[in-house]
Amino acid sequence: MTAIDGPDVPLRSRLTELLEGVVPWDEQERAHLTTAAEWIASGAPLYRLRKPDVPPMHLVSYFVAPDEARAELLLVAHRKAGLWLPGGGHVEPMEDPWDTVLRECREELHTEALPSAVSGNRPFFLTVTRTRRYEQHTDVSLWYVLRSTAGAVTSFDEGDQVAAAATGPRRARRHPRPPHAPVHRQTHGCPGPVAVLSPRRRLKVAVKSA
């Protein structure tokens, strides 16, 4: 293994420790964990330095905000990706991925990120995913769970998002903007109503069940 030296060594050690705490849900995630661990240990650049794809593989933090009582997930319709995604964004250089969650939650959804009892401030899921649009690159994504209720978010950043929704996954799968593939894996078979925020309708309005 190549010896690694430099200011990001402590963060690489931290990332390795975070990955070791993720219990894979299936063989695909097990393979993704192996790929991510090898990438971190290789000394390759970890952070996006220039939009959209430099370096071509870089870190992302997503946060999943489920409302368990209503069987809903909070997703955002991302302009450039053309997908329903959880909140989140690229990890900045030398930033801890949980700090990315804190920052992005404030910026995107205008609310504070509250760690859930499921995994606290540690990731519960990992994916290594090739983007499908807009200068393709590979996201190494750490997924976190936040505490949430359906009415917690009443506005969002309109720069990158078309809409935000607390939605049952079946409903999201039928939408013209499909959910990001890993959302399928996490939420398969979870029904529920949908409630959408848009620039024209600031208050969340419940729509029929999925």
N, C-alpha and C. Protein backbone atom coordinates (compact mmCIF):
# COMPACT_ATOMS: atom_id res chain seq x y z
N MET A 1 0.84 -1.18 0.00
CA MET A 1 0.00 0.00 0.00
C MET A 1 0.88 1.25 0.00
N THR A 2 0.50 2.27 -0.79
CA THR A 2 1.28 3.49 -0.87
C THR A 2 1.24 4.24 0.44
N ALA A 3 2.43 4.70 0.90
CA ALA A 3 2.47 5.50 2.12
C ALA A 3 1.86 6.86 1.84
N ILE A 4 1.01 7.32 2.77
CA ILE A 4 0.32 8.59 2.60
C ILE A 4 0.86 9.57 3.61
N ASP A 5 1.16 10.76 3.12
CA ASP A 5 1.63 11.81 4.01
C ASP A 5 0.92 13.10 3.60
N GLY A 6 0.66 13.97 4.56
CA GLY A 6 0.03 15.23 4.24
C GLY A 6 -0.99 15.62 5.28
N PRO A 7 -1.58 16.82 5.13
CA PRO A 7 -2.49 17.35 6.15
C PRO A 7 -3.81 16.60 6.24
N ASP A 8 -4.17 15.83 5.21
CA ASP A 8 -5.46 15.14 5.26
C ASP A 8 -5.38 13.73 5.84
N VAL A 9 -4.20 13.34 6.34
CA VAL A 9 -4.06 11.99 6.92
C VAL A 9 -5.06 11.76 8.06
N PRO A 10 -5.22 12.70 9.01
CA PRO A 10 -6.21 12.46 10.08
C PRO A 10 -7.62 12.27 9.54
N LEU A 11 -8.00 13.03 8.52
CA LEU A 11 -9.34 12.87 7.97
C LEU A 11 -9.49 11.55 7.24
N ARG A 12 -8.45 11.11 6.54
CA ARG A 12 -8.52 9.79 5.91
C ARG A 12 -8.72 8.70 6.96
N SER A 13 -8.02 8.85 8.10
CA SER A 13 -8.19 7.88 9.18
C SER A 13 -9.61 7.94 9.72
N ARG A 14 -10.15 9.15 9.84
CA ARG A 14 -11.52 9.33 10.31
C ARG A 14 -12.51 8.70 9.34
N LEU A 15 -12.31 8.89 8.05
CA LEU A 15 -13.20 8.31 7.06
C LEU A 15 -13.14 6.78 7.09
N THR A 16 -11.94 6.25 7.23
CA THR A 16 -11.79 4.79 7.32
C THR A 16 -12.55 4.25 8.52
N GLU A 17 -12.47 4.97 9.64
CA GLU A 17 -13.17 4.54 10.84
C GLU A 17 -14.68 4.63 10.65
N LEU A 18 -15.16 5.65 9.95
CA LEU A 18 -16.59 5.78 9.68
C LEU A 18 -17.08 4.63 8.81
N LEU A 19 -16.30 4.28 7.78
CA LEU A 19 -16.70 3.19 6.90
C LEU A 19 -16.75 1.87 7.65
N GLU A 20 -15.83 1.67 8.58
CA GLU A 20 -15.82 0.42 9.34
C GLU A 20 -17.06 0.28 10.21
N GLY A 21 -17.71 1.40 10.52
CA GLY A 21 -18.92 1.36 11.34
C GLY A 21 -20.20 1.15 10.56
N VAL A 22 -20.11 1.16 9.22
CA VAL A 22 -21.29 0.96 8.37
C VAL A 22 -21.51 -0.54 8.15
N VAL A 23 -22.68 -1.02 8.52
CA VAL A 23 -23.02 -2.44 8.30
C VAL A 23 -23.68 -2.55 6.93
N PRO A 24 -23.09 -3.27 5.98
CA PRO A 24 -23.65 -3.33 4.63
C PRO A 24 -25.02 -4.00 4.61
N TRP A 25 -25.94 -3.41 3.83
CA TRP A 25 -27.29 -3.96 3.70
C TRP A 25 -27.33 -5.13 2.73
N ASP A 26 -26.41 -5.13 1.75
CA ASP A 26 -26.44 -6.16 0.71
C ASP A 26 -25.04 -6.26 0.11
N GLU A 27 -24.89 -7.17 -0.85
CA GLU A 27 -23.58 -7.38 -1.46
C GLU A 27 -23.13 -6.16 -2.26
N GLN A 28 -24.08 -5.43 -2.83
CA GLN A 28 -23.71 -4.23 -3.56
C GLN A 28 -23.06 -3.20 -2.64
N GLU A 29 -23.66 -2.99 -1.46
CA GLU A 29 -23.06 -2.04 -0.54
C GLU A 29 -21.73 -2.56 0.00
N ARG A 30 -21.63 -3.85 0.19
CA ARG A 30 -20.36 -4.42 0.65
C ARG A 30 -19.25 -4.11 -0.37
N ALA A 31 -19.58 -4.26 -1.65
CA ALA A 31 -18.60 -3.96 -2.69
C ALA A 31 -18.27 -2.47 -2.71
N HIS A 32 -19.30 -1.62 -2.51
CA HIS A 32 -19.07 -0.17 -2.49
C HIS A 32 -18.17 0.22 -1.31
N LEU A 33 -18.37 -0.40 -0.17
CA LEU A 33 -17.52 -0.12 1.00
C LEU A 33 -16.07 -0.48 0.72
N THR A 34 -15.86 -1.60 0.06
CA THR A 34 -14.50 -2.02 -0.29
C THR A 34 -13.86 -1.02 -1.25
N THR A 35 -14.62 -0.62 -2.27
CA THR A 35 -14.13 0.35 -3.24
C THR A 35 -13.76 1.67 -2.56
N ALA A 36 -14.64 2.15 -1.67
CA ALA A 36 -14.41 3.42 -1.00
C ALA A 36 -13.19 3.34 -0.08
N ALA A 37 -13.06 2.23 0.65
CA ALA A 37 -11.92 2.08 1.56
C ALA A 37 -10.60 2.06 0.79
N GLU A 38 -10.57 1.36 -0.34
CA GLU A 38 -9.36 1.31 -1.16
C GLU A 38 -9.03 2.68 -1.73
N TRP A 39 -10.04 3.41 -2.15
CA TRP A 39 -9.86 4.76 -2.70
C TRP A 39 -9.29 5.71 -1.65
N ILE A 40 -9.84 5.67 -0.44
CA ILE A 40 -9.34 6.52 0.64
C ILE A 40 -7.89 6.19 0.96
N ALA A 41 -7.58 4.89 1.02
CA ALA A 41 -6.21 4.46 1.37
C ALA A 41 -5.21 4.72 0.27
N SER A 42 -5.68 4.93 -0.96
CA SER A 42 -4.76 5.07 -2.10
C SER A 42 -4.04 6.41 -2.13
N GLY A 43 -4.55 7.39 -1.39
CA GLY A 43 -3.98 8.73 -1.45
C GLY A 43 -4.57 9.60 -2.54
N ALA A 44 -5.57 9.08 -3.27
CA ALA A 44 -6.23 9.87 -4.32
C ALA A 44 -6.94 11.08 -3.71
N PRO A 45 -7.12 12.16 -4.47
CA PRO A 45 -7.86 13.31 -3.95
C PRO A 45 -9.25 12.92 -3.51
N LEU A 46 -9.70 13.48 -2.40
CA LEU A 46 -10.99 13.11 -1.81
C LEU A 46 -12.10 14.11 -2.12
N TYR A 47 -11.75 15.36 -2.38
CA TYR A 47 -12.74 16.43 -2.43
C TYR A 47 -12.88 16.98 -3.83
N ARG A 48 -14.08 17.44 -4.14
CA ARG A 48 -14.25 18.14 -5.41
C ARG A 48 -13.55 19.50 -5.31
N LEU A 49 -12.67 19.77 -6.26
CA LEU A 49 -11.90 21.00 -6.28
C LEU A 49 -12.41 21.99 -7.31
N ARG A 50 -13.07 21.47 -8.36
CA ARG A 50 -13.62 22.34 -9.39
C ARG A 50 -14.87 21.68 -9.97
N LYS A 51 -15.93 22.46 -10.11
CA LYS A 51 -17.17 21.94 -10.68
C LYS A 51 -16.97 21.61 -12.15
N PRO A 52 -17.63 20.55 -12.64
CA PRO A 52 -18.43 19.60 -11.87
C PRO A 52 -17.71 18.30 -11.55
N ASP A 53 -16.50 18.11 -12.14
CA ASP A 53 -15.94 16.74 -12.13
C ASP A 53 -14.43 16.68 -11.89
N VAL A 54 -13.89 17.61 -11.13
CA VAL A 54 -12.45 17.58 -10.81
C VAL A 54 -12.27 17.50 -9.30
N PRO A 55 -11.70 16.40 -8.82
CA PRO A 55 -11.33 15.17 -9.53
C PRO A 55 -12.58 14.36 -9.91
N PRO A 56 -12.44 13.35 -10.75
CA PRO A 56 -13.62 12.63 -11.24
C PRO A 56 -14.28 11.73 -10.20
N MET A 57 -13.66 11.55 -9.04
CA MET A 57 -14.26 10.78 -7.94
C MET A 57 -14.06 11.60 -6.67
N HIS A 58 -15.18 11.89 -5.93
CA HIS A 58 -15.05 12.75 -4.77
C HIS A 58 -16.19 12.49 -3.77
N LEU A 59 -15.99 13.05 -2.57
CA LEU A 59 -16.89 12.78 -1.44
C LEU A 59 -18.16 13.63 -1.47
N VAL A 60 -19.27 12.99 -1.06
CA VAL A 60 -20.56 13.65 -0.91
C VAL A 60 -21.18 13.19 0.40
N SER A 61 -21.92 14.08 1.06
CA SER A 61 -22.73 13.70 2.21
C SER A 61 -24.19 13.93 1.88
N TYR A 62 -25.02 12.90 2.05
CA TYR A 62 -26.47 13.02 1.94
C TYR A 62 -27.08 12.90 3.33
N PHE A 63 -28.24 13.52 3.54
CA PHE A 63 -28.97 13.29 4.77
C PHE A 63 -30.41 12.89 4.44
N VAL A 64 -30.84 11.81 5.05
CA VAL A 64 -32.19 11.28 4.88
C VAL A 64 -33.00 11.68 6.11
N ALA A 65 -34.14 12.30 5.86
CA ALA A 65 -34.97 12.80 6.96
C ALA A 65 -36.33 12.11 6.91
N PRO A 66 -36.47 10.94 7.55
CA PRO A 66 -37.75 10.23 7.51
C PRO A 66 -38.71 10.73 8.59
N ASP A 67 -39.98 10.77 8.24
CA ASP A 67 -41.04 10.98 9.22
C ASP A 67 -41.68 9.61 9.42
N GLU A 68 -41.27 8.91 10.47
CA GLU A 68 -41.69 7.51 10.65
C GLU A 68 -43.19 7.40 10.86
N ALA A 69 -43.80 8.38 11.53
CA ALA A 69 -45.23 8.31 11.81
C ALA A 69 -46.05 8.36 10.53
N ARG A 70 -45.55 9.07 9.51
CA ARG A 70 -46.29 9.21 8.24
C ARG A 70 -45.71 8.36 7.12
N ALA A 71 -44.62 7.62 7.41
CA ALA A 71 -43.94 6.80 6.39
C ALA A 71 -43.55 7.65 5.19
N GLU A 72 -42.93 8.80 5.46
CA GLU A 72 -42.50 9.71 4.42
C GLU A 72 -41.00 9.99 4.54
N LEU A 73 -40.42 10.35 3.40
CA LEU A 73 -39.04 10.82 3.35
C LEU A 73 -39.02 12.23 2.77
N LEU A 74 -38.11 13.05 3.25
CA LEU A 74 -37.94 14.37 2.68
C LEU A 74 -36.94 14.29 1.54
N LEU A 75 -37.38 14.64 0.31
CA LEU A 75 -36.53 14.63 -0.86
C LEU A 75 -36.59 16.00 -1.54
N VAL A 76 -35.56 16.32 -2.33
CA VAL A 76 -35.57 17.55 -3.10
C VAL A 76 -35.41 17.22 -4.57
N ALA A 77 -36.10 17.97 -5.43
CA ALA A 77 -35.99 17.80 -6.88
C ALA A 77 -34.83 18.65 -7.37
N HIS A 78 -33.71 18.01 -7.69
CA HIS A 78 -32.47 18.72 -8.01
C HIS A 78 -32.48 19.15 -9.49
N ARG A 79 -32.20 20.43 -9.73
CA ARG A 79 -32.26 20.97 -11.09
C ARG A 79 -31.30 20.25 -12.04
N LYS A 80 -30.03 20.21 -11.69
CA LYS A 80 -29.02 19.70 -12.60
C LYS A 80 -29.08 18.18 -12.73
N ALA A 81 -29.30 17.49 -11.62
CA ALA A 81 -29.34 16.02 -11.66
C ALA A 81 -30.60 15.50 -12.32
N GLY A 82 -31.71 16.27 -12.27
CA GLY A 82 -32.97 15.80 -12.81
C GLY A 82 -33.55 14.66 -12.02
N LEU A 83 -33.24 14.58 -10.72
CA LEU A 83 -33.67 13.49 -9.86
C LEU A 83 -34.22 14.02 -8.54
N TRP A 84 -35.08 13.22 -7.92
CA TRP A 84 -35.41 13.44 -6.51
C TRP A 84 -34.25 12.88 -5.68
N LEU A 85 -33.67 13.73 -4.85
CA LEU A 85 -32.53 13.36 -4.02
C LEU A 85 -32.79 13.71 -2.57
N PRO A 86 -32.13 13.02 -1.65
CA PRO A 86 -32.09 13.53 -0.28
C PRO A 86 -31.30 14.84 -0.28
N GLY A 87 -31.42 15.61 0.79
CA GLY A 87 -30.58 16.79 0.93
C GLY A 87 -29.12 16.39 1.06
N GLY A 88 -28.24 17.35 0.78
CA GLY A 88 -26.83 17.07 0.94
C GLY A 88 -26.00 17.80 -0.08
N GLY A 89 -24.71 17.49 -0.12
CA GLY A 89 -23.83 18.16 -1.07
C GLY A 89 -22.41 17.66 -0.95
N HIS A 90 -21.54 18.28 -1.70
CA HIS A 90 -20.13 17.88 -1.73
C HIS A 90 -19.43 18.26 -0.43
N VAL A 91 -18.57 17.38 0.01
CA VAL A 91 -17.75 17.63 1.20
C VAL A 91 -16.64 18.59 0.80
N GLU A 92 -16.51 19.69 1.52
CA GLU A 92 -15.48 20.68 1.22
C GLU A 92 -14.11 20.16 1.69
N PRO A 93 -13.01 20.66 1.10
CA PRO A 93 -11.68 20.22 1.52
C PRO A 93 -11.48 20.34 3.02
N MET A 94 -11.03 19.25 3.62
CA MET A 94 -10.72 19.15 5.05
C MET A 94 -11.97 19.24 5.94
N GLU A 95 -13.15 19.07 5.37
CA GLU A 95 -14.39 19.14 6.13
C GLU A 95 -14.80 17.73 6.56
N ASP A 96 -15.22 17.58 7.81
CA ASP A 96 -15.78 16.30 8.25
C ASP A 96 -17.14 16.12 7.57
N PRO A 97 -17.46 14.91 7.09
CA PRO A 97 -18.73 14.72 6.38
C PRO A 97 -19.97 15.09 7.20
N TRP A 98 -19.93 14.93 8.52
CA TRP A 98 -21.06 15.34 9.34
C TRP A 98 -21.20 16.86 9.33
N ASP A 99 -20.08 17.59 9.30
CA ASP A 99 -20.14 19.04 9.20
C ASP A 99 -20.76 19.47 7.87
N THR A 100 -20.55 18.67 6.84
CA THR A 100 -21.21 18.93 5.55
C THR A 100 -22.72 18.84 5.71
N VAL A 101 -23.18 17.82 6.44
CA VAL A 101 -24.61 17.68 6.69
C VAL A 101 -25.17 18.90 7.42
N LEU A 102 -24.47 19.33 8.46
CA LEU A 102 -24.92 20.51 9.22
C LEU A 102 -25.02 21.73 8.31
N ARG A 103 -23.99 21.94 7.50
CA ARG A 103 -23.96 23.11 6.61
C ARG A 103 -25.04 23.04 5.54
N GLU A 104 -25.14 21.89 4.87
CA GLU A 104 -26.07 21.76 3.77
C GLU A 104 -27.53 21.81 4.23
N CYS A 105 -27.80 21.30 5.42
CA CYS A 105 -29.17 21.34 5.93
C CYS A 105 -29.60 22.80 6.15
N ARG A 106 -28.69 23.60 6.68
CA ARG A 106 -29.01 25.03 6.85
C ARG A 106 -29.19 25.72 5.50
N GLU A 107 -28.27 25.44 4.56
CA GLU A 107 -28.30 26.12 3.28
C GLU A 107 -29.49 25.70 2.42
N GLU A 108 -29.78 24.39 2.37
CA GLU A 108 -30.80 23.88 1.45
C GLU A 108 -32.21 23.97 2.03
N LEU A 109 -32.34 23.64 3.31
CA LEU A 109 -33.68 23.50 3.89
C LEU A 109 -33.96 24.50 5.00
N HIS A 110 -33.00 25.38 5.27
CA HIS A 110 -33.20 26.47 6.23
C HIS A 110 -33.61 25.95 7.60
N THR A 111 -32.98 24.86 8.01
CA THR A 111 -33.28 24.28 9.32
C THR A 111 -32.02 23.61 9.85
N GLU A 112 -32.02 23.30 11.14
CA GLU A 112 -30.87 22.66 11.76
C GLU A 112 -30.96 21.14 11.61
N ALA A 113 -29.83 20.50 11.37
CA ALA A 113 -29.76 19.05 11.28
C ALA A 113 -29.74 18.45 12.68
N LEU A 114 -30.70 17.58 12.96
CA LEU A 114 -30.78 16.93 14.26
C LEU A 114 -30.48 15.44 14.07
N PRO A 115 -29.39 14.93 14.64
CA PRO A 115 -29.07 13.51 14.45
C PRO A 115 -30.15 12.61 15.04
N SER A 116 -30.42 11.52 14.35
CA SER A 116 -31.45 10.59 14.81
C SER A 116 -30.84 9.54 15.73
N ALA A 117 -31.73 8.81 16.40
CA ALA A 117 -31.28 7.73 17.27
C ALA A 117 -30.75 6.55 16.46
N VAL A 118 -31.04 6.52 15.16
CA VAL A 118 -30.63 5.39 14.31
C VAL A 118 -29.12 5.30 14.23
N SER A 119 -28.46 6.43 13.96
CA SER A 119 -27.01 6.39 13.76
C SER A 119 -26.29 7.62 14.29
N GLY A 120 -27.01 8.54 14.94
CA GLY A 120 -26.36 9.72 15.50
C GLY A 120 -25.69 10.54 14.41
N ASN A 121 -24.46 10.96 14.65
CA ASN A 121 -23.74 11.77 13.66
C ASN A 121 -22.77 10.93 12.83
N ARG A 122 -23.12 9.66 12.65
CA ARG A 122 -22.31 8.75 11.84
C ARG A 122 -23.15 8.27 10.65
N PRO A 123 -22.51 7.95 9.52
CA PRO A 123 -23.28 7.46 8.38
C PRO A 123 -23.84 6.06 8.63
N PHE A 124 -25.00 5.79 8.02
CA PHE A 124 -25.60 4.46 8.15
C PHE A 124 -25.57 3.70 6.82
N PHE A 125 -25.13 4.35 5.75
CA PHE A 125 -25.23 3.77 4.42
C PHE A 125 -24.15 4.41 3.56
N LEU A 126 -23.62 3.67 2.58
CA LEU A 126 -22.62 4.23 1.67
C LEU A 126 -22.89 3.76 0.26
N THR A 127 -22.71 4.68 -0.71
CA THR A 127 -22.84 4.30 -2.12
C THR A 127 -21.68 4.89 -2.90
N VAL A 128 -21.30 4.20 -3.95
CA VAL A 128 -20.35 4.71 -4.94
C VAL A 128 -21.11 4.71 -6.25
N THR A 129 -21.44 5.92 -6.75
CA THR A 129 -22.42 6.04 -7.83
C THR A 129 -21.91 6.94 -8.93
N ARG A 130 -22.02 6.47 -10.15
CA ARG A 130 -21.71 7.29 -11.33
C ARG A 130 -22.90 8.19 -11.63
N THR A 131 -22.68 9.50 -11.71
CA THR A 131 -23.78 10.40 -12.01
C THR A 131 -24.25 10.16 -13.43
N ARG A 132 -25.53 10.44 -13.67
CA ARG A 132 -26.09 10.10 -14.97
C ARG A 132 -26.18 11.29 -15.92
N ARG A 133 -25.99 12.50 -15.41
CA ARG A 133 -26.10 13.69 -16.24
C ARG A 133 -25.01 14.69 -15.85
N TYR A 134 -24.89 15.76 -16.65
CA TYR A 134 -24.09 16.93 -16.29
C TYR A 134 -22.64 16.56 -15.96
N GLU A 135 -21.86 16.26 -17.02
CA GLU A 135 -20.45 15.96 -16.86
C GLU A 135 -20.25 14.80 -15.87
N GLN A 136 -20.44 13.60 -16.33
CA GLN A 136 -20.46 12.44 -15.46
C GLN A 136 -19.20 12.31 -14.62
N HIS A 137 -19.41 11.93 -13.37
CA HIS A 137 -18.32 11.68 -12.43
C HIS A 137 -18.83 10.68 -11.40
N THR A 138 -17.99 10.32 -10.44
CA THR A 138 -18.37 9.32 -9.44
C THR A 138 -18.45 9.97 -8.07
N ASP A 139 -19.60 9.82 -7.44
CA ASP A 139 -19.80 10.30 -6.07
C ASP A 139 -19.62 9.16 -5.08
N VAL A 140 -18.74 9.36 -4.11
CA VAL A 140 -18.63 8.45 -2.96
C VAL A 140 -19.46 9.11 -1.86
N SER A 141 -20.63 8.54 -1.59
CA SER A 141 -21.63 9.23 -0.78
C SER A 141 -21.84 8.54 0.56
N LEU A 142 -21.70 9.33 1.62
CA LEU A 142 -22.05 8.90 2.97
C LEU A 142 -23.45 9.40 3.28
N TRP A 143 -24.31 8.49 3.74
CA TRP A 143 -25.72 8.81 3.98
C TRP A 143 -25.98 8.83 5.49
N TYR A 144 -26.57 9.92 5.97
CA TYR A 144 -26.87 10.12 7.38
C TYR A 144 -28.39 10.17 7.58
N VAL A 145 -28.84 9.84 8.79
CA VAL A 145 -30.26 9.91 9.13
C VAL A 145 -30.48 11.04 10.12
N LEU A 146 -31.48 11.88 9.83
CA LEU A 146 -31.82 12.98 10.72
C LEU A 146 -33.20 12.76 11.33
N ARG A 147 -33.44 13.40 12.47
CA ARG A 147 -34.78 13.43 13.04
C ARG A 147 -35.62 14.43 12.24
N SER A 148 -36.86 14.06 11.95
CA SER A 148 -37.68 14.94 11.13
C SER A 148 -39.16 14.65 11.36
N THR A 149 -39.99 15.64 11.08
CA THR A 149 -41.43 15.46 10.97
C THR A 149 -41.88 16.12 9.68
N ALA A 150 -43.07 15.76 9.22
CA ALA A 150 -43.53 16.23 7.91
C ALA A 150 -43.60 17.74 7.83
N GLY A 151 -43.86 18.43 8.94
CA GLY A 151 -44.01 19.87 8.89
C GLY A 151 -42.75 20.65 9.25
N ALA A 152 -41.62 19.97 9.37
CA ALA A 152 -40.42 20.63 9.87
C ALA A 152 -39.82 21.61 8.87
N VAL A 153 -40.00 21.36 7.58
CA VAL A 153 -39.40 22.20 6.54
C VAL A 153 -40.50 23.00 5.84
N THR A 154 -40.36 24.32 5.85
CA THR A 154 -41.37 25.17 5.23
C THR A 154 -40.81 26.04 4.12
N SER A 155 -39.50 25.96 3.86
CA SER A 155 -38.89 26.67 2.75
C SER A 155 -37.61 25.95 2.35
N PHE A 156 -37.06 26.32 1.20
CA PHE A 156 -35.86 25.64 0.72
C PHE A 156 -35.11 26.57 -0.23
N ASP A 157 -33.86 26.22 -0.52
CA ASP A 157 -33.02 26.98 -1.44
C ASP A 157 -33.49 26.73 -2.86
N GLU A 158 -33.94 27.78 -3.54
CA GLU A 158 -34.47 27.62 -4.89
C GLU A 158 -33.39 27.68 -5.97
N GLY A 159 -32.13 27.87 -5.57
CA GLY A 159 -31.06 27.91 -6.56
C GLY A 159 -30.81 26.57 -7.22
N ASP A 160 -30.69 25.52 -6.42
CA ASP A 160 -30.40 24.18 -6.95
C ASP A 160 -31.62 23.28 -6.99
N GLN A 161 -32.66 23.61 -6.22
CA GLN A 161 -33.81 22.74 -6.11
C GLN A 161 -35.04 23.33 -6.81
N VAL A 162 -35.78 22.48 -7.51
CA VAL A 162 -37.05 22.86 -8.11
C VAL A 162 -38.15 22.79 -7.08
N ALA A 163 -38.09 21.79 -6.20
CA ALA A 163 -39.11 21.58 -5.18
C ALA A 163 -38.52 20.72 -4.08
N ALA A 164 -39.19 20.71 -2.93
CA ALA A 164 -38.86 19.79 -1.85
C ALA A 164 -40.14 19.06 -1.49
N ALA A 165 -40.03 17.79 -1.13
CA ALA A 165 -41.23 17.00 -0.86
C ALA A 165 -40.99 16.02 0.26
N ALA A 166 -42.00 15.90 1.12
CA ALA A 166 -42.07 14.78 2.04
C ALA A 166 -42.96 13.76 1.36
N THR A 167 -42.39 12.66 0.93
CA THR A 167 -43.09 11.79 0.00
C THR A 167 -42.95 10.32 0.35
N GLY A 168 -44.00 9.55 0.06
CA GLY A 168 -43.90 8.11 0.08
C GLY A 168 -43.14 7.66 -1.16
N PRO A 169 -42.19 6.75 -1.03
CA PRO A 169 -41.35 6.37 -2.16
C PRO A 169 -42.09 5.87 -3.38
N ARG A 170 -43.24 5.19 -3.21
CA ARG A 170 -43.98 4.73 -4.39
C ARG A 170 -44.40 5.92 -5.24
N ARG A 171 -44.85 6.96 -4.59
CA ARG A 171 -45.26 8.17 -5.31
C ARG A 171 -44.07 8.79 -6.02
N ALA A 172 -42.94 8.87 -5.34
CA ALA A 172 -41.75 9.47 -5.95
C ALA A 172 -41.31 8.69 -7.18
N ARG A 173 -41.42 7.35 -7.14
CA ARG A 173 -40.98 6.54 -8.26
C ARG A 173 -41.81 6.80 -9.52
N ARG A 174 -43.06 7.28 -9.36
CA ARG A 174 -43.91 7.56 -10.51
C ARG A 174 -43.74 8.98 -11.03
N HIS A 175 -42.95 9.81 -10.34
CA HIS A 175 -42.79 11.21 -10.71
C HIS A 175 -41.89 11.32 -11.93
N PRO A 176 -42.10 12.36 -12.82
CA PRO A 176 -41.21 12.55 -13.97
C PRO A 176 -39.74 12.68 -13.59
N ARG A 177 -39.45 13.22 -12.39
CA ARG A 177 -38.08 13.22 -11.89
C ARG A 177 -37.96 12.02 -10.95
N PRO A 178 -37.38 10.92 -11.39
CA PRO A 178 -37.33 9.72 -10.54
C PRO A 178 -36.41 9.92 -9.36
N PRO A 179 -36.57 9.12 -8.29
CA PRO A 179 -35.62 9.22 -7.18
C PRO A 179 -34.28 8.63 -7.55
N HIS A 180 -33.23 9.16 -6.91
CA HIS A 180 -31.88 8.64 -7.04
C HIS A 180 -31.90 7.14 -6.74
N ALA A 181 -31.16 6.35 -7.53
CA ALA A 181 -31.24 4.89 -7.42
C ALA A 181 -31.07 4.37 -5.99
N PRO A 182 -30.10 4.86 -5.19
CA PRO A 182 -29.98 4.34 -3.82
C PRO A 182 -31.21 4.57 -2.95
N VAL A 183 -32.04 5.57 -3.30
CA VAL A 183 -33.28 5.77 -2.55
C VAL A 183 -34.18 4.56 -2.72
N HIS A 184 -34.22 4.00 -3.93
CA HIS A 184 -34.99 2.76 -4.14
C HIS A 184 -34.54 1.68 -3.18
N ARG A 185 -33.24 1.52 -3.04
CA ARG A 185 -32.71 0.43 -2.22
C ARG A 185 -33.06 0.61 -0.75
N GLN A 186 -33.10 1.87 -0.29
CA GLN A 186 -33.38 2.12 1.12
C GLN A 186 -34.87 2.04 1.45
N THR A 187 -35.73 2.36 0.47
CA THR A 187 -37.12 2.61 0.79
C THR A 187 -38.09 1.70 0.06
N HIS A 188 -37.62 0.67 -0.61
CA HIS A 188 -38.50 -0.19 -1.40
C HIS A 188 -39.67 -0.70 -0.55
N GLY A 189 -40.88 -0.47 -1.08
CA GLY A 189 -42.06 -0.98 -0.41
C GLY A 189 -42.61 -0.11 0.69
N CYS A 190 -42.07 1.10 0.84
CA CYS A 190 -42.56 1.99 1.90
C CYS A 190 -43.58 2.95 1.33
N PRO A 191 -44.90 2.76 1.57
CA PRO A 191 -45.91 3.63 1.01
C PRO A 191 -46.06 4.90 1.84
N GLY A 192 -46.85 5.82 1.36
CA GLY A 192 -47.12 7.01 2.16
C GLY A 192 -47.63 8.15 1.32
N PRO A 193 -48.20 9.17 1.95
CA PRO A 193 -48.67 10.34 1.24
C PRO A 193 -47.51 11.21 0.78
N VAL A 194 -47.81 12.21 0.00
CA VAL A 194 -46.78 13.12 -0.46
C VAL A 194 -47.21 14.55 -0.15
N ALA A 195 -46.27 15.38 0.22
CA ALA A 195 -46.55 16.79 0.48
C ALA A 195 -45.44 17.60 -0.15
N VAL A 196 -45.78 18.56 -0.99
CA VAL A 196 -44.79 19.22 -1.83
C VAL A 196 -44.65 20.69 -1.48
N LEU A 197 -43.41 21.17 -1.51
CA LEU A 197 -43.10 22.59 -1.43
C LEU A 197 -42.62 23.04 -2.80
N SER A 198 -43.08 24.16 -3.26
CA SER A 198 -42.58 24.73 -4.50
C SER A 198 -42.47 26.23 -4.33
N PRO A 199 -41.73 26.92 -5.22
CA PRO A 199 -41.62 28.37 -5.08
C PRO A 199 -42.96 29.08 -5.07
N ARG A 200 -43.95 28.52 -5.76
CA ARG A 200 -45.26 29.17 -5.81
C ARG A 200 -46.15 28.80 -4.63
N ARG A 201 -45.82 27.72 -3.98
CA ARG A 201 -46.65 27.28 -2.85
C ARG A 201 -45.74 27.01 -1.68
N ARG A 202 -45.57 27.98 -0.81
CA ARG A 202 -44.62 27.90 0.26
C ARG A 202 -45.04 26.91 1.34
N LEU A 203 -46.30 26.81 1.60
CA LEU A 203 -46.76 25.91 2.65
C LEU A 203 -46.94 24.53 2.07
N LYS A 204 -46.60 23.55 2.86
CA LYS A 204 -46.69 22.16 2.44
C LYS A 204 -48.14 21.72 2.39
N VAL A 205 -48.54 21.10 1.27
CA VAL A 205 -49.92 20.70 1.09
C VAL A 205 -49.97 19.20 0.86
N ALA A 206 -50.77 18.51 1.62
CA ALA A 206 -50.85 17.04 1.49
C ALA A 206 -51.60 16.69 0.22
N VAL A 207 -51.09 15.68 -0.49
CA VAL A 207 -51.72 15.16 -1.69
C VAL A 207 -52.13 13.73 -1.40
N LYS A 208 -52.93 13.12 -2.27
CA LYS A 208 -53.46 11.79 -1.99
C LYS A 208 -52.35 10.78 -1.75
N SER A 209 -52.68 9.71 -1.05
CA SER A 209 -51.69 8.68 -0.73
C SER A 209 -51.12 8.07 -1.99
N ALA A 210 -49.86 7.56 -1.83
CA ALA A 210 -49.18 6.96 -2.98
C ALA A 210 -49.87 5.67 -3.40
